[in-house]
Amino acid sequence: MRIVVEDEGPGLGETENLFVPFYSTKVGGAGIGLVLSQHIAQNHEGSLVLENRSAVRGARASLTLPVGSA
């Protein structure tokens, strides 16, 4: 299963640091939200990808998880 969310905002800055633990560009930010989300997806044999859109302005978040019987 894949869930994709796209926006038309300014895009992602500093993409190399998106999943660095405790790194935040926000004042008072803890820097754990994205890395925690990525680890949860990976622990369920899935993935979380964040990227800037290429054809238009904005960003894209893709969460992929396997579907099937456990």
N, C-alpha and C. Protein backbone atom coordinates (compact mmCIF):
# COMPACT_ATOMS: atom_id res chain seq x y z
N MET A 1 0.85 -1.15 0.00
CA MET A 1 0.00 0.00 0.00
C MET A 1 0.91 1.22 0.00
N ARG A 2 0.54 2.22 -0.78
CA ARG A 2 1.30 3.47 -0.79
C ARG A 2 0.36 4.63 -0.58
N ILE A 3 0.72 5.50 0.35
CA ILE A 3 0.00 6.74 0.60
C ILE A 3 0.93 7.87 0.19
N VAL A 4 0.46 8.73 -0.71
CA VAL A 4 1.26 9.83 -1.21
C VAL A 4 0.54 11.14 -0.89
N VAL A 5 1.28 12.07 -0.30
CA VAL A 5 0.76 13.39 0.00
C VAL A 5 1.65 14.40 -0.71
N GLU A 6 1.04 15.28 -1.51
CA GLU A 6 1.79 16.30 -2.23
C GLU A 6 1.25 17.68 -1.86
N ASP A 7 2.16 18.66 -1.83
CA ASP A 7 1.71 20.02 -1.59
C ASP A 7 2.32 20.94 -2.66
N GLU A 8 1.93 22.17 -2.61
CA GLU A 8 2.42 23.17 -3.56
C GLU A 8 3.14 24.30 -2.83
N GLY A 9 3.73 23.98 -1.68
CA GLY A 9 4.45 24.95 -0.87
C GLY A 9 5.85 25.20 -1.40
N PRO A 10 6.72 25.74 -0.57
CA PRO A 10 8.07 26.10 -1.01
C PRO A 10 9.01 24.91 -1.20
N GLY A 11 8.59 23.74 -0.81
CA GLY A 11 9.46 22.56 -0.93
C GLY A 11 10.26 22.34 0.34
N LEU A 12 11.11 21.34 0.29
CA LEU A 12 11.91 20.95 1.45
C LEU A 12 13.30 21.57 1.36
N GLY A 13 13.70 22.21 2.42
CA GLY A 13 15.06 22.72 2.51
C GLY A 13 15.93 21.71 3.24
N GLU A 14 17.21 21.74 3.00
CA GLU A 14 18.16 20.87 3.69
C GLU A 14 17.72 19.41 3.69
N THR A 15 17.44 18.87 2.53
CA THR A 15 16.92 17.50 2.42
C THR A 15 17.89 16.45 2.96
N GLU A 16 19.18 16.78 3.00
CA GLU A 16 20.15 15.80 3.51
C GLU A 16 20.00 15.59 5.02
N ASN A 17 19.31 16.48 5.71
CA ASN A 17 19.15 16.37 7.16
C ASN A 17 17.75 15.95 7.60
N LEU A 18 16.89 15.59 6.69
CA LEU A 18 15.50 15.30 7.04
C LEU A 18 15.36 14.20 8.09
N PHE A 19 16.18 13.16 7.97
CA PHE A 19 16.05 12.01 8.87
C PHE A 19 17.21 11.90 9.86
N VAL A 20 17.90 13.01 10.11
CA VAL A 20 18.97 13.04 11.10
C VAL A 20 18.34 13.24 12.48
N PRO A 21 18.57 12.28 13.40
CA PRO A 21 17.97 12.41 14.73
C PRO A 21 18.41 13.69 15.44
N PHE A 22 17.47 14.34 16.07
CA PHE A 22 17.66 15.54 16.88
C PHE A 22 18.08 16.77 16.08
N TYR A 23 17.97 16.72 14.76
CA TYR A 23 18.25 17.89 13.93
C TYR A 23 16.92 18.57 13.62
N SER A 24 16.83 19.86 13.85
CA SER A 24 15.60 20.59 13.57
C SER A 24 15.93 21.99 13.08
N THR A 25 15.12 22.48 12.17
CA THR A 25 15.25 23.87 11.72
C THR A 25 14.27 24.77 12.47
N LYS A 26 13.44 24.17 13.31
CA LYS A 26 12.44 24.92 14.07
C LYS A 26 12.98 25.30 15.45
N VAL A 27 12.71 26.51 15.86
CA VAL A 27 13.08 26.93 17.21
C VAL A 27 12.32 26.06 18.21
N GLY A 28 13.05 25.42 19.08
CA GLY A 28 12.42 24.55 20.08
C GLY A 28 12.03 23.18 19.55
N GLY A 29 12.39 22.88 18.30
CA GLY A 29 12.06 21.59 17.72
C GLY A 29 12.95 20.49 18.30
N ALA A 30 12.39 19.30 18.45
CA ALA A 30 13.14 18.19 19.03
C ALA A 30 13.88 17.38 17.97
N GLY A 31 13.40 17.42 16.72
CA GLY A 31 14.08 16.70 15.66
C GLY A 31 13.91 15.20 15.72
N ILE A 32 12.79 14.74 16.27
CA ILE A 32 12.59 13.29 16.35
C ILE A 32 11.39 12.80 15.52
N GLY A 33 10.54 13.69 15.06
CA GLY A 33 9.31 13.29 14.38
C GLY A 33 9.53 12.51 13.10
N LEU A 34 10.36 13.04 12.19
CA LEU A 34 10.55 12.36 10.91
C LEU A 34 11.35 11.08 11.06
N VAL A 35 12.41 11.11 11.87
CA VAL A 35 13.21 9.90 12.03
C VAL A 35 12.40 8.81 12.74
N LEU A 36 11.56 9.18 13.69
CA LEU A 36 10.71 8.20 14.36
C LEU A 36 9.70 7.60 13.37
N SER A 37 9.10 8.44 12.55
CA SER A 37 8.16 7.97 11.54
C SER A 37 8.83 7.01 10.55
N GLN A 38 10.05 7.36 10.14
CA GLN A 38 10.79 6.50 9.22
C GLN A 38 11.10 5.14 9.86
N HIS A 39 11.50 5.14 11.12
CA HIS A 39 11.82 3.88 11.81
C HIS A 39 10.57 3.02 11.98
N ILE A 40 9.45 3.63 12.28
CA ILE A 40 8.20 2.86 12.40
C ILE A 40 7.86 2.20 11.07
N ALA A 41 7.96 2.95 9.97
CA ALA A 41 7.69 2.38 8.65
C ALA A 41 8.64 1.23 8.36
N GLN A 42 9.93 1.41 8.63
CA GLN A 42 10.93 0.36 8.36
C GLN A 42 10.71 -0.86 9.23
N ASN A 43 10.28 -0.66 10.47
CA ASN A 43 10.01 -1.79 11.36
C ASN A 43 8.81 -2.62 10.88
N HIS A 44 7.99 -2.04 10.02
CA HIS A 44 6.86 -2.75 9.42
C HIS A 44 7.16 -3.14 7.98
N GLU A 45 8.48 -3.20 7.66
CA GLU A 45 8.96 -3.58 6.32
C GLU A 45 8.48 -2.62 5.24
N GLY A 46 8.37 -1.35 5.59
CA GLY A 46 7.95 -0.32 4.64
C GLY A 46 8.99 0.76 4.52
N SER A 47 8.56 1.89 3.99
CA SER A 47 9.49 3.01 3.82
C SER A 47 8.73 4.33 3.89
N LEU A 48 9.47 5.37 4.22
CA LEU A 48 8.97 6.74 4.21
C LEU A 48 9.97 7.56 3.42
N VAL A 49 9.48 8.22 2.36
CA VAL A 49 10.35 9.02 1.50
C VAL A 49 9.78 10.42 1.40
N LEU A 50 10.62 11.42 1.60
CA LEU A 50 10.24 12.82 1.44
C LEU A 50 11.14 13.41 0.36
N GLU A 51 10.54 14.14 -0.56
CA GLU A 51 11.32 14.71 -1.66
C GLU A 51 10.64 15.95 -2.21
N ASN A 52 11.42 16.78 -2.86
CA ASN A 52 10.86 17.92 -3.57
C ASN A 52 10.28 17.43 -4.89
N ARG A 53 9.17 17.98 -5.27
CA ARG A 53 8.56 17.63 -6.55
C ARG A 53 9.40 18.25 -7.66
N SER A 54 9.52 17.57 -8.78
CA SER A 54 10.39 18.06 -9.84
C SER A 54 9.65 18.88 -10.89
N ALA A 55 8.44 18.51 -11.22
CA ALA A 55 7.72 19.19 -12.30
C ALA A 55 7.05 20.48 -11.85
N VAL A 56 6.69 20.54 -10.58
CA VAL A 56 6.00 21.72 -10.04
C VAL A 56 6.58 22.03 -8.66
N ARG A 57 6.20 23.17 -8.14
CA ARG A 57 6.63 23.60 -6.80
C ARG A 57 5.99 22.71 -5.75
N GLY A 58 6.72 22.42 -4.69
CA GLY A 58 6.15 21.67 -3.58
C GLY A 58 6.96 20.45 -3.21
N ALA A 59 6.40 19.67 -2.30
CA ALA A 59 7.05 18.48 -1.78
C ALA A 59 6.10 17.28 -1.88
N ARG A 60 6.70 16.10 -1.75
CA ARG A 60 5.93 14.85 -1.80
C ARG A 60 6.40 13.95 -0.66
N ALA A 61 5.46 13.38 0.07
CA ALA A 61 5.74 12.39 1.10
C ALA A 61 5.08 11.09 0.67
N SER A 62 5.86 10.00 0.67
CA SER A 62 5.34 8.69 0.27
C SER A 62 5.60 7.68 1.39
N LEU A 63 4.52 7.12 1.90
CA LEU A 63 4.60 6.07 2.90
C LEU A 63 4.18 4.78 2.23
N THR A 64 5.08 3.79 2.25
CA THR A 64 4.80 2.50 1.63
C THR A 64 4.86 1.42 2.71
N LEU A 65 3.81 0.59 2.77
CA LEU A 65 3.75 -0.51 3.71
C LEU A 65 3.26 -1.76 3.00
N PRO A 66 3.78 -2.93 3.37
CA PRO A 66 3.30 -4.16 2.74
C PRO A 66 1.88 -4.49 3.18
N VAL A 67 1.15 -5.13 2.31
CA VAL A 67 -0.21 -5.54 2.61
C VAL A 67 -0.26 -7.05 2.47
N GLY A 68 -0.84 -7.71 3.43
CA GLY A 68 -0.96 -9.16 3.37
C GLY A 68 -1.24 -9.72 4.74
N SER A 69 -1.35 -11.02 4.80
CA SER A 69 -1.64 -11.66 6.07
C SER A 69 -0.36 -11.76 6.89
N ALA A 70 -0.51 -11.64 8.19
CA ALA A 70 0.65 -11.69 9.08
C ALA A 70 0.84 -13.07 9.63
